[in-house]
């Protein structure tokens, strides 16, 4: 079951930054539908443990960012994570076996890490595993 987070519904993603050292991802968005004034909002993910964005069409429109239960999300992506870890060591929390992986996931959960999904009306979608997400107004 998905739970609704703060709204950036119908915002356009105009860019995003990934800071691996700071473990931060920032989606820069704009709500631009005249006659309403331009609104700029950054979606800031802090304490990032892993992420995946797909289908960037350079005209992305957000439908929603929502939290999903971590266990359900990991189970849904289990095969993808196994393959990614085998090929490149991604995601970094993945273990050498299922018991080690589950122990690491428990540690992340106890540290307050959550799974956030990015749904789109058009273009890029994906998810971020992190400690927090915040919406920051950036003026117009």
Foldseek 3Di string as FASTA:
>chain_A
DWDADDDPAFWWFQDKDQDPVQQKIKGWTWRDDPPPDIWIKIKMFGAFQDKDKDFAPNGWTWHGKIWDAPVVVCVVCVVVQVVCCVVPNPRVLDDPDDVSSVVSVVVLVVVQWTKIWTHTPDGMTIITTGNDIDMDIDDD
